[in-house]
N, C-alpha and C. Protein backbone atom coordinates (compact mmCIF):
# COMPACT_ATOMS: atom_id res chain seq x y z
N MET A 1 9.45 12.87 6.25
CA MET A 1 10.88 13.06 6.32
C MET A 1 11.20 14.02 7.44
N ASP A 2 12.21 13.74 8.21
CA ASP A 2 12.66 14.60 9.29
C ASP A 2 13.23 15.88 8.69
N SER A 3 12.83 17.02 9.24
CA SER A 3 13.29 18.29 8.69
C SER A 3 14.79 18.50 8.87
N SER A 4 15.45 17.69 9.72
CA SER A 4 16.89 17.84 9.91
C SER A 4 17.68 17.10 8.85
N SER A 5 17.02 16.19 8.13
CA SER A 5 17.73 15.48 7.06
C SER A 5 17.47 16.17 5.74
N SER A 6 18.29 15.88 4.77
CA SER A 6 18.18 16.52 3.47
C SER A 6 17.59 15.54 2.47
N PRO A 7 16.72 16.01 1.57
CA PRO A 7 16.19 15.12 0.55
C PRO A 7 17.26 14.68 -0.44
N PHE A 8 18.41 15.32 -0.40
CA PHE A 8 19.48 15.01 -1.33
C PHE A 8 20.40 13.93 -0.82
N ASP A 9 20.21 13.46 0.43
CA ASP A 9 21.08 12.44 1.02
C ASP A 9 20.86 11.06 0.43
N SER A 10 19.71 10.80 -0.20
CA SER A 10 19.37 9.46 -0.65
C SER A 10 20.09 9.06 -1.93
N GLY A 11 20.67 9.99 -2.64
CA GLY A 11 21.32 9.67 -3.89
C GLY A 11 20.36 9.68 -5.07
N LEU A 12 19.06 9.81 -4.82
CA LEU A 12 18.07 9.89 -5.89
C LEU A 12 18.07 11.29 -6.49
N LEU A 13 17.65 11.37 -7.74
CA LEU A 13 17.45 12.66 -8.36
C LEU A 13 16.18 13.26 -7.76
N THR A 14 16.29 14.41 -7.15
CA THR A 14 15.14 15.04 -6.52
C THR A 14 14.53 16.06 -7.47
N ILE A 15 13.24 15.95 -7.66
CA ILE A 15 12.50 16.88 -8.50
C ILE A 15 11.75 17.83 -7.59
N SER A 16 11.73 19.10 -7.96
CA SER A 16 10.97 20.07 -7.18
C SER A 16 9.82 20.60 -8.01
N ALA A 17 8.76 20.97 -7.33
CA ALA A 17 7.58 21.52 -7.99
C ALA A 17 6.97 22.59 -7.11
N LYS A 18 6.33 23.52 -7.75
CA LYS A 18 5.67 24.63 -7.06
C LYS A 18 4.17 24.36 -7.04
N ILE A 19 3.57 24.53 -5.86
CA ILE A 19 2.13 24.36 -5.69
C ILE A 19 1.56 25.67 -5.12
N VAL A 20 0.47 26.13 -5.70
CA VAL A 20 -0.19 27.35 -5.22
C VAL A 20 -1.39 26.95 -4.37
N ILE A 21 -1.53 27.61 -3.22
CA ILE A 21 -2.68 27.42 -2.34
C ILE A 21 -3.45 28.74 -2.33
N ALA A 22 -4.63 28.71 -2.94
CA ALA A 22 -5.39 29.94 -3.15
C ALA A 22 -6.76 29.84 -2.48
N GLY A 23 -7.43 30.95 -2.44
CA GLY A 23 -8.77 31.00 -1.87
C GLY A 23 -9.07 32.37 -1.32
N GLY A 24 -10.27 32.52 -0.82
CA GLY A 24 -10.71 33.80 -0.27
C GLY A 24 -10.06 34.13 1.06
N PHE A 25 -10.44 35.27 1.57
CA PHE A 25 -9.92 35.78 2.83
C PHE A 25 -10.35 34.89 3.99
N GLY A 26 -9.39 34.43 4.78
CA GLY A 26 -9.68 33.70 6.00
C GLY A 26 -10.13 32.26 5.83
N VAL A 27 -9.82 31.61 4.69
CA VAL A 27 -10.28 30.23 4.49
C VAL A 27 -9.30 29.18 5.02
N GLY A 28 -8.07 29.58 5.38
CA GLY A 28 -7.13 28.64 5.97
C GLY A 28 -5.86 28.39 5.17
N LYS A 29 -5.54 29.27 4.23
CA LYS A 29 -4.35 29.07 3.40
C LYS A 29 -3.06 29.11 4.22
N THR A 30 -2.91 30.11 5.06
CA THR A 30 -1.73 30.22 5.91
C THR A 30 -1.65 29.02 6.85
N THR A 31 -2.78 28.61 7.38
CA THR A 31 -2.83 27.46 8.28
C THR A 31 -2.35 26.20 7.58
N MET A 32 -2.78 26.00 6.33
CA MET A 32 -2.37 24.81 5.59
C MET A 32 -0.86 24.80 5.35
N VAL A 33 -0.31 25.92 4.91
CA VAL A 33 1.14 26.00 4.69
C VAL A 33 1.87 25.72 5.99
N ASN A 34 1.43 26.33 7.07
CA ASN A 34 2.08 26.14 8.37
C ASN A 34 2.00 24.69 8.85
N SER A 35 0.90 24.01 8.54
CA SER A 35 0.71 22.66 9.07
C SER A 35 1.62 21.63 8.42
N VAL A 36 2.10 21.89 7.22
CA VAL A 36 2.92 20.89 6.52
C VAL A 36 4.37 21.26 6.31
N SER A 37 4.72 22.52 6.42
CA SER A 37 6.07 22.95 6.05
C SER A 37 7.13 22.34 6.96
N GLU A 38 8.18 21.81 6.33
CA GLU A 38 9.31 21.23 7.06
C GLU A 38 10.30 22.29 7.50
N VAL A 39 10.19 23.46 6.93
CA VAL A 39 11.04 24.59 7.31
C VAL A 39 10.15 25.63 7.96
N ALA A 40 10.77 26.55 8.67
CA ALA A 40 9.96 27.62 9.25
C ALA A 40 9.28 28.37 8.12
N PRO A 41 7.93 28.36 8.08
CA PRO A 41 7.25 29.00 6.96
C PRO A 41 7.44 30.51 6.97
N LEU A 42 7.46 31.06 5.78
CA LEU A 42 7.50 32.51 5.63
C LEU A 42 6.06 32.98 5.51
N ASN A 43 5.65 33.83 6.41
CA ASN A 43 4.31 34.41 6.36
C ASN A 43 4.46 35.93 6.27
N THR A 44 3.79 36.52 5.32
CA THR A 44 3.83 37.98 5.18
C THR A 44 2.55 38.57 5.75
N ASP A 45 2.28 38.22 7.00
CA ASP A 45 1.07 38.69 7.66
C ASP A 45 1.27 40.10 8.21
N ALA A 46 0.20 40.88 8.14
CA ALA A 46 0.19 42.21 8.73
C ALA A 46 -0.98 42.27 9.70
N TRP A 47 -0.82 43.08 10.73
CA TRP A 47 -1.90 43.23 11.70
C TRP A 47 -3.07 43.94 11.05
N MET A 48 -4.26 43.46 11.35
CA MET A 48 -5.46 44.13 10.87
C MET A 48 -5.76 45.28 11.83
N THR A 49 -6.09 46.42 11.27
CA THR A 49 -6.37 47.61 12.08
C THR A 49 -7.79 48.07 11.84
N GLU A 50 -8.17 49.13 12.54
CA GLU A 50 -9.51 49.69 12.36
C GLU A 50 -9.70 50.18 10.93
N ALA A 51 -8.61 50.53 10.24
CA ALA A 51 -8.71 51.01 8.86
C ALA A 51 -9.23 49.93 7.92
N SER A 52 -9.09 48.66 8.32
CA SER A 52 -9.54 47.57 7.44
C SER A 52 -11.00 47.19 7.68
N GLU A 53 -11.65 47.79 8.66
CA GLU A 53 -13.04 47.46 8.94
C GLU A 53 -13.91 47.75 7.72
N GLY A 54 -14.76 46.79 7.38
CA GLY A 54 -15.60 46.93 6.21
C GLY A 54 -14.92 46.46 4.93
N ILE A 55 -13.61 46.28 4.98
CA ILE A 55 -12.85 45.80 3.83
C ILE A 55 -12.41 44.36 4.09
N ASP A 56 -11.78 44.15 5.23
CA ASP A 56 -11.28 42.82 5.62
C ASP A 56 -11.99 42.36 6.88
N ASP A 57 -13.29 42.20 6.83
CA ASP A 57 -14.01 41.75 8.01
C ASP A 57 -13.64 40.30 8.28
N PRO A 58 -13.08 40.03 9.45
CA PRO A 58 -12.66 38.66 9.77
C PRO A 58 -13.83 37.69 9.77
N PRO A 59 -13.59 36.48 9.26
CA PRO A 59 -14.67 35.50 9.16
C PRO A 59 -15.19 35.02 10.50
N ASN A 60 -14.33 34.97 11.50
CA ASN A 60 -14.74 34.42 12.78
C ASN A 60 -14.61 35.42 13.93
N GLY A 61 -14.28 36.66 13.61
CA GLY A 61 -14.13 37.68 14.63
C GLY A 61 -12.85 37.55 15.42
N LYS A 62 -12.07 36.49 15.19
CA LYS A 62 -10.85 36.26 15.96
C LYS A 62 -9.59 36.52 15.15
N LYS A 63 -9.72 36.63 13.85
CA LYS A 63 -8.55 36.81 12.99
C LYS A 63 -7.98 38.20 13.20
N SER A 64 -6.70 38.28 13.54
CA SER A 64 -6.09 39.57 13.82
C SER A 64 -5.01 39.95 12.81
N THR A 65 -4.63 39.01 11.93
CA THR A 65 -3.64 39.31 10.90
C THR A 65 -4.18 38.85 9.55
N THR A 66 -3.55 39.35 8.50
CA THR A 66 -3.93 38.96 7.15
C THR A 66 -2.69 38.91 6.27
N THR A 67 -2.68 37.98 5.31
CA THR A 67 -1.55 37.83 4.40
C THR A 67 -1.60 38.96 3.38
N VAL A 68 -0.48 39.66 3.21
CA VAL A 68 -0.44 40.79 2.29
C VAL A 68 0.43 40.54 1.07
N ALA A 69 1.14 39.44 1.00
CA ALA A 69 1.93 39.12 -0.19
C ALA A 69 1.80 37.64 -0.50
N MET A 70 2.32 36.79 0.40
CA MET A 70 2.24 35.34 0.18
C MET A 70 2.67 34.62 1.44
N ASP A 71 2.36 33.34 1.47
CA ASP A 71 2.92 32.43 2.46
C ASP A 71 3.85 31.51 1.67
N PHE A 72 4.89 31.02 2.33
CA PHE A 72 5.81 30.12 1.65
C PHE A 72 6.22 29.01 2.60
N GLY A 73 6.23 27.79 2.09
CA GLY A 73 6.69 26.65 2.86
C GLY A 73 7.28 25.60 1.93
N ARG A 74 7.85 24.57 2.52
CA ARG A 74 8.46 23.50 1.74
C ARG A 74 8.17 22.17 2.41
N ILE A 75 7.90 21.16 1.59
CA ILE A 75 7.68 19.82 2.12
C ILE A 75 8.24 18.79 1.14
N THR A 76 8.85 17.76 1.69
CA THR A 76 9.29 16.63 0.88
C THR A 76 8.12 15.66 0.85
N LEU A 77 7.42 15.64 -0.28
CA LEU A 77 6.22 14.82 -0.39
C LEU A 77 6.57 13.36 -0.59
N HIS A 78 7.67 13.13 -1.24
CA HIS A 78 8.17 11.79 -1.51
C HIS A 78 9.68 11.92 -1.43
N GLU A 79 10.39 10.82 -1.31
CA GLU A 79 11.84 10.96 -1.14
C GLU A 79 12.51 11.64 -2.33
N ASP A 80 11.84 11.66 -3.48
CA ASP A 80 12.42 12.32 -4.65
C ASP A 80 11.56 13.46 -5.19
N LEU A 81 10.59 13.95 -4.37
CA LEU A 81 9.73 15.05 -4.80
C LEU A 81 9.62 16.10 -3.70
N LEU A 82 10.14 17.26 -3.99
CA LEU A 82 10.14 18.39 -3.07
C LEU A 82 9.13 19.42 -3.56
N LEU A 83 8.19 19.79 -2.70
CA LEU A 83 7.18 20.78 -3.08
C LEU A 83 7.46 22.11 -2.40
N TYR A 84 7.38 23.17 -3.17
CA TYR A 84 7.45 24.53 -2.65
C TYR A 84 6.03 25.08 -2.68
N LEU A 85 5.54 25.49 -1.54
CA LEU A 85 4.15 25.92 -1.39
C LEU A 85 4.07 27.44 -1.35
N PHE A 86 3.18 27.99 -2.16
CA PHE A 86 2.97 29.42 -2.21
C PHE A 86 1.51 29.71 -1.93
N GLY A 87 1.23 30.30 -0.79
CA GLY A 87 -0.14 30.67 -0.43
C GLY A 87 -0.43 32.09 -0.90
N THR A 88 -1.55 32.27 -1.57
CA THR A 88 -1.91 33.58 -2.09
C THR A 88 -2.59 34.42 -1.01
N PRO A 89 -2.54 35.74 -1.15
CA PRO A 89 -3.38 36.58 -0.29
C PRO A 89 -4.83 36.44 -0.75
N GLY A 90 -5.77 36.57 0.18
CA GLY A 90 -7.16 36.34 -0.15
C GLY A 90 -7.96 37.57 -0.52
N GLN A 91 -7.48 38.76 -0.16
CA GLN A 91 -8.27 39.97 -0.41
C GLN A 91 -8.15 40.40 -1.86
N SER A 92 -9.23 40.94 -2.40
CA SER A 92 -9.27 41.30 -3.82
C SER A 92 -8.21 42.33 -4.19
N ARG A 93 -7.83 43.20 -3.29
CA ARG A 93 -6.84 44.22 -3.64
C ARG A 93 -5.45 43.64 -3.86
N PHE A 94 -5.23 42.37 -3.48
CA PHE A 94 -3.93 41.72 -3.70
C PHE A 94 -3.98 40.66 -4.81
N TRP A 95 -5.09 40.55 -5.52
CA TRP A 95 -5.21 39.52 -6.55
C TRP A 95 -4.22 39.71 -7.69
N PHE A 96 -3.70 40.92 -7.87
CA PHE A 96 -2.73 41.14 -8.94
C PHE A 96 -1.49 40.27 -8.74
N LEU A 97 -1.26 39.77 -7.52
CA LEU A 97 -0.10 38.92 -7.24
C LEU A 97 -0.30 37.48 -7.72
N TRP A 98 -1.53 37.08 -7.96
CA TRP A 98 -1.82 35.68 -8.28
C TRP A 98 -1.12 35.21 -9.54
N ASP A 99 -1.06 36.05 -10.57
CA ASP A 99 -0.38 35.65 -11.81
C ASP A 99 1.08 35.31 -11.53
N ASP A 100 1.76 36.17 -10.78
CA ASP A 100 3.17 35.93 -10.47
C ASP A 100 3.35 34.70 -9.60
N LEU A 101 2.49 34.52 -8.61
CA LEU A 101 2.62 33.37 -7.73
C LEU A 101 2.31 32.06 -8.46
N SER A 102 1.46 32.11 -9.48
CA SER A 102 1.09 30.91 -10.22
C SER A 102 2.07 30.54 -11.32
N ARG A 103 2.88 31.51 -11.74
CA ARG A 103 3.81 31.26 -12.85
C ARG A 103 4.78 30.13 -12.50
N GLY A 104 4.82 29.12 -13.37
CA GLY A 104 5.75 28.00 -13.18
C GLY A 104 5.28 26.92 -12.22
N ALA A 105 4.05 27.04 -11.74
CA ALA A 105 3.55 26.05 -10.78
C ALA A 105 3.07 24.79 -11.49
N LEU A 106 3.12 23.68 -10.76
CA LEU A 106 2.60 22.40 -11.27
C LEU A 106 1.08 22.34 -11.16
N GLY A 107 0.55 22.89 -10.07
CA GLY A 107 -0.88 22.85 -9.84
C GLY A 107 -1.28 23.75 -8.69
N ALA A 108 -2.58 23.78 -8.42
CA ALA A 108 -3.09 24.66 -7.37
C ALA A 108 -4.21 23.99 -6.59
N VAL A 109 -4.37 24.46 -5.37
CA VAL A 109 -5.49 24.10 -4.50
C VAL A 109 -6.32 25.36 -4.28
N VAL A 110 -7.62 25.27 -4.49
CA VAL A 110 -8.52 26.34 -4.06
C VAL A 110 -9.15 25.85 -2.77
N LEU A 111 -8.84 26.54 -1.68
CA LEU A 111 -9.36 26.19 -0.37
C LEU A 111 -10.68 26.92 -0.15
N VAL A 112 -11.69 26.20 0.34
CA VAL A 112 -13.05 26.73 0.45
C VAL A 112 -13.56 26.59 1.89
N ASP A 113 -14.22 27.63 2.37
CA ASP A 113 -14.98 27.59 3.63
C ASP A 113 -16.45 27.62 3.23
N THR A 114 -17.19 26.54 3.49
CA THR A 114 -18.58 26.46 3.01
C THR A 114 -19.51 27.46 3.71
N ASN A 115 -19.09 28.01 4.84
CA ASN A 115 -19.92 29.00 5.52
C ASN A 115 -19.81 30.38 4.87
N ARG A 116 -18.79 30.54 4.03
CA ARG A 116 -18.59 31.79 3.31
C ARG A 116 -18.21 31.44 1.88
N ILE A 117 -19.04 30.65 1.25
CA ILE A 117 -18.71 30.09 -0.06
C ILE A 117 -18.49 31.19 -1.11
N GLU A 118 -19.14 32.32 -0.91
CA GLU A 118 -18.97 33.43 -1.87
C GLU A 118 -17.52 33.90 -1.92
N GLN A 119 -16.75 33.65 -0.85
CA GLN A 119 -15.32 34.01 -0.83
C GLN A 119 -14.52 33.17 -1.82
N SER A 120 -15.08 32.08 -2.31
CA SER A 120 -14.36 31.15 -3.17
C SER A 120 -14.60 31.37 -4.65
N PHE A 121 -15.63 32.11 -5.01
CA PHE A 121 -15.98 32.27 -6.41
C PHE A 121 -14.84 32.87 -7.23
N ALA A 122 -14.19 33.89 -6.71
CA ALA A 122 -13.12 34.56 -7.47
C ALA A 122 -11.95 33.62 -7.73
N ALA A 123 -11.58 32.81 -6.73
CA ALA A 123 -10.45 31.89 -6.90
C ALA A 123 -10.79 30.80 -7.92
N VAL A 124 -11.98 30.23 -7.82
CA VAL A 124 -12.39 29.21 -8.79
C VAL A 124 -12.42 29.81 -10.19
N ASN A 125 -12.99 31.00 -10.32
CA ASN A 125 -13.06 31.67 -11.62
C ASN A 125 -11.66 31.92 -12.18
N TYR A 126 -10.74 32.34 -11.32
CA TYR A 126 -9.38 32.61 -11.78
C TYR A 126 -8.76 31.36 -12.42
N PHE A 127 -8.84 30.23 -11.73
CA PHE A 127 -8.20 29.02 -12.26
C PHE A 127 -8.98 28.40 -13.42
N GLU A 128 -10.29 28.64 -13.49
CA GLU A 128 -11.07 28.14 -14.62
C GLU A 128 -10.87 28.96 -15.88
N HIS A 129 -10.74 30.30 -15.74
CA HIS A 129 -10.78 31.17 -16.91
C HIS A 129 -9.54 32.01 -17.16
N ASP A 130 -8.76 32.30 -16.13
CA ASP A 130 -7.63 33.22 -16.29
C ASP A 130 -6.28 32.55 -16.13
N SER A 131 -6.27 31.24 -15.99
CA SER A 131 -5.04 30.50 -15.78
C SER A 131 -5.14 29.15 -16.49
N VAL A 132 -3.99 28.62 -16.88
CA VAL A 132 -3.97 27.28 -17.48
C VAL A 132 -3.54 26.24 -16.45
N LEU A 133 -3.37 26.66 -15.22
CA LEU A 133 -2.89 25.79 -14.15
C LEU A 133 -3.97 24.80 -13.72
N PRO A 134 -3.66 23.49 -13.71
CA PRO A 134 -4.62 22.52 -13.18
C PRO A 134 -4.87 22.79 -11.69
N PHE A 135 -6.11 22.58 -11.24
CA PHE A 135 -6.40 22.83 -9.83
C PHE A 135 -7.41 21.84 -9.30
N ILE A 136 -7.41 21.73 -7.97
CA ILE A 136 -8.41 20.97 -7.26
C ILE A 136 -9.06 21.91 -6.26
N VAL A 137 -10.20 21.51 -5.73
CA VAL A 137 -10.88 22.29 -4.69
C VAL A 137 -10.92 21.46 -3.42
N ALA A 138 -10.49 22.05 -2.31
CA ALA A 138 -10.49 21.37 -1.02
C ALA A 138 -11.39 22.15 -0.06
N VAL A 139 -12.39 21.48 0.48
CA VAL A 139 -13.31 22.10 1.44
C VAL A 139 -12.69 21.96 2.83
N ASN A 140 -12.34 23.09 3.42
CA ASN A 140 -11.72 23.11 4.74
C ASN A 140 -12.81 22.97 5.79
N ARG A 141 -12.77 21.87 6.52
CA ARG A 141 -13.77 21.61 7.56
C ARG A 141 -13.33 22.27 8.86
N PHE A 142 -14.01 23.35 9.19
CA PHE A 142 -13.71 24.06 10.43
C PHE A 142 -14.49 23.41 11.57
N GLU A 143 -13.83 23.20 12.66
CA GLU A 143 -14.45 22.55 13.82
C GLU A 143 -15.66 23.34 14.30
N GLY A 144 -16.76 22.63 14.52
CA GLY A 144 -17.96 23.25 15.06
C GLY A 144 -18.81 23.98 14.04
N LYS A 145 -18.44 23.93 12.78
CA LYS A 145 -19.23 24.60 11.76
C LYS A 145 -20.01 23.56 10.97
N PRO A 146 -21.17 23.94 10.45
CA PRO A 146 -21.97 22.95 9.71
C PRO A 146 -21.25 22.48 8.46
N SER A 147 -21.46 21.21 8.13
CA SER A 147 -20.84 20.68 6.93
C SER A 147 -21.89 20.54 5.84
N HIS A 148 -21.43 20.54 4.63
CA HIS A 148 -22.31 20.39 3.49
C HIS A 148 -21.80 19.23 2.65
N ASP A 149 -22.69 18.52 2.02
CA ASP A 149 -22.34 17.43 1.14
C ASP A 149 -21.49 17.98 -0.01
N LEU A 150 -20.49 17.21 -0.44
CA LEU A 150 -19.61 17.68 -1.50
C LEU A 150 -20.36 17.94 -2.80
N ASP A 151 -21.41 17.18 -3.06
CA ASP A 151 -22.21 17.45 -4.26
C ASP A 151 -22.88 18.82 -4.19
N GLU A 152 -23.30 19.21 -3.00
CA GLU A 152 -23.89 20.54 -2.80
C GLU A 152 -22.85 21.63 -3.03
N VAL A 153 -21.62 21.38 -2.55
CA VAL A 153 -20.54 22.35 -2.75
C VAL A 153 -20.22 22.46 -4.24
N ARG A 154 -20.14 21.32 -4.92
CA ARG A 154 -19.86 21.33 -6.36
C ARG A 154 -20.92 22.16 -7.10
N ASP A 155 -22.19 21.95 -6.74
CA ASP A 155 -23.27 22.71 -7.37
C ASP A 155 -23.17 24.21 -7.05
N ALA A 156 -22.90 24.53 -5.79
CA ALA A 156 -22.81 25.94 -5.38
C ALA A 156 -21.68 26.67 -6.09
N LEU A 157 -20.57 25.96 -6.34
CA LEU A 157 -19.43 26.57 -7.02
C LEU A 157 -19.50 26.41 -8.54
N ALA A 158 -20.50 25.68 -9.02
CA ALA A 158 -20.65 25.38 -10.46
C ALA A 158 -19.38 24.76 -11.01
N LEU A 159 -18.82 23.81 -10.24
CA LEU A 159 -17.59 23.13 -10.65
C LEU A 159 -17.89 22.06 -11.68
N ALA A 160 -17.05 21.98 -12.69
CA ALA A 160 -17.16 20.91 -13.68
C ALA A 160 -16.87 19.58 -12.99
N ASP A 161 -17.43 18.51 -13.52
CA ASP A 161 -17.27 17.18 -12.92
C ASP A 161 -15.82 16.71 -12.91
N ASP A 162 -15.00 17.22 -13.82
CA ASP A 162 -13.61 16.75 -13.90
C ASP A 162 -12.66 17.47 -12.95
N ILE A 163 -13.17 18.43 -12.19
CA ILE A 163 -12.32 19.12 -11.20
C ILE A 163 -12.45 18.38 -9.87
N PRO A 164 -11.34 17.81 -9.38
CA PRO A 164 -11.40 17.06 -8.11
C PRO A 164 -11.86 17.95 -6.95
N LEU A 165 -12.70 17.40 -6.10
CA LEU A 165 -13.25 18.10 -4.94
C LEU A 165 -13.16 17.17 -3.74
N ILE A 166 -12.45 17.62 -2.70
CA ILE A 166 -12.27 16.79 -1.51
C ILE A 166 -12.47 17.63 -0.25
N GLU A 167 -12.53 16.95 0.89
CA GLU A 167 -12.59 17.60 2.19
C GLU A 167 -11.21 17.55 2.82
N CYS A 168 -10.94 18.50 3.71
CA CYS A 168 -9.68 18.48 4.45
C CYS A 168 -9.84 19.26 5.74
N ASP A 169 -8.84 19.16 6.58
CA ASP A 169 -8.71 20.01 7.76
C ASP A 169 -7.33 20.65 7.64
N ALA A 170 -7.29 21.93 7.29
CA ALA A 170 -6.03 22.61 7.03
C ALA A 170 -5.10 22.62 8.25
N ARG A 171 -5.65 22.40 9.44
CA ARG A 171 -4.83 22.39 10.66
C ARG A 171 -4.10 21.07 10.83
N ASP A 172 -4.59 20.03 10.14
CA ASP A 172 -4.07 18.69 10.33
C ASP A 172 -3.04 18.36 9.25
N ARG A 173 -1.83 18.02 9.66
CA ARG A 173 -0.73 17.76 8.72
C ARG A 173 -1.09 16.64 7.74
N ALA A 174 -1.57 15.51 8.24
CA ALA A 174 -1.88 14.38 7.37
C ALA A 174 -2.97 14.74 6.36
N SER A 175 -3.98 15.46 6.80
CA SER A 175 -5.07 15.87 5.91
C SER A 175 -4.55 16.81 4.82
N SER A 176 -3.72 17.76 5.20
CA SER A 176 -3.16 18.71 4.23
C SER A 176 -2.22 18.01 3.25
N ILE A 177 -1.46 17.04 3.73
CA ILE A 177 -0.59 16.27 2.83
C ILE A 177 -1.43 15.50 1.82
N GLY A 178 -2.56 14.97 2.25
CA GLY A 178 -3.47 14.30 1.32
C GLY A 178 -3.93 15.22 0.20
N VAL A 179 -4.18 16.47 0.53
CA VAL A 179 -4.57 17.46 -0.47
C VAL A 179 -3.43 17.67 -1.47
N LEU A 180 -2.22 17.82 -0.95
CA LEU A 180 -1.06 18.04 -1.83
C LEU A 180 -0.81 16.84 -2.74
N LYS A 181 -0.99 15.64 -2.22
CA LYS A 181 -0.82 14.45 -3.06
C LYS A 181 -1.82 14.44 -4.20
N LEU A 182 -3.07 14.84 -3.91
CA LEU A 182 -4.08 14.87 -4.96
C LEU A 182 -3.76 15.94 -6.01
N VAL A 183 -3.26 17.09 -5.57
CA VAL A 183 -2.88 18.15 -6.53
C VAL A 183 -1.83 17.61 -7.49
N VAL A 184 -0.80 16.98 -6.95
CA VAL A 184 0.29 16.45 -7.78
C VAL A 184 -0.25 15.37 -8.73
N ALA A 185 -1.01 14.42 -8.19
CA ALA A 185 -1.55 13.33 -9.02
C ALA A 185 -2.45 13.88 -10.13
N ASN A 186 -3.30 14.83 -9.81
CA ASN A 186 -4.19 15.43 -10.80
C ASN A 186 -3.40 16.14 -11.89
N SER A 187 -2.41 16.93 -11.50
CA SER A 187 -1.61 17.68 -12.47
C SER A 187 -0.82 16.74 -13.38
N LEU A 188 -0.24 15.69 -12.80
CA LEU A 188 0.51 14.74 -13.60
C LEU A 188 -0.39 13.97 -14.55
N ALA A 189 -1.58 13.59 -14.09
CA ALA A 189 -2.52 12.87 -14.95
C ALA A 189 -2.93 13.75 -16.13
N LEU A 190 -3.18 15.03 -15.89
CA LEU A 190 -3.57 15.92 -16.96
C LEU A 190 -2.43 16.18 -17.93
N SER A 191 -1.19 16.22 -17.42
CA SER A 191 -0.05 16.45 -18.31
C SER A 191 0.17 15.24 -19.22
N LYS A 192 -0.13 14.04 -18.75
CA LYS A 192 0.01 12.84 -19.58
C LYS A 192 -1.02 12.84 -20.70
N VAL A 193 -2.22 13.32 -20.37
CA VAL A 193 -3.30 13.34 -21.36
C VAL A 193 -3.00 14.37 -22.44
N THR A 194 -2.44 15.51 -22.05
CA THR A 194 -2.27 16.61 -23.01
C THR A 194 -0.88 16.63 -23.65
N ALA A 195 0.03 15.77 -23.19
CA ALA A 195 1.38 15.77 -23.77
C ALA A 195 1.33 15.30 -25.22
N PRO A 196 2.08 15.97 -26.11
CA PRO A 196 2.07 15.56 -27.51
C PRO A 196 2.69 14.19 -27.68
N GLY A 197 2.21 13.46 -28.70
CA GLY A 197 2.79 12.16 -29.02
C GLY A 197 2.23 11.09 -28.19
């Protein structure tokens, strides 16, 4: 949909849903929100300083900012479905925000960098044990970095077989939209299974 048009012009009832994009420090959450948002995304990035050395060591040596509250974007996934995207901060000192960012969400994506898979354990654990929010795991394929078979990633993260696991490129709009479609489909499928009656 063109960002200059409104999803409300079609005369259809438009449903909105909140999606959380979570993961460790530097895995591509801000990039994913930026790649799909139809509006200028809100990024609460702060410059990394010498004071953060040893705490927020950049994954690639090139990262100069870090999210300190959240990222926010919006995308019309379907002519009658509007998604509001909330990217979590990745550093452990900001994890207290995750409960608030997840409240009222339809589902979540845990974004993973296989070269720093240990950065993903806390996010996977959060959605498995501390949240009732359905989630999927998306392996962000960084250009020029070694790839791992998805079965290896599933084993490394100790993911249950029923948790969807896919590959993506957070920089690529179409790839990121594919991730969002899977989050919605997974959440809706689970809600049908667990709905009373």
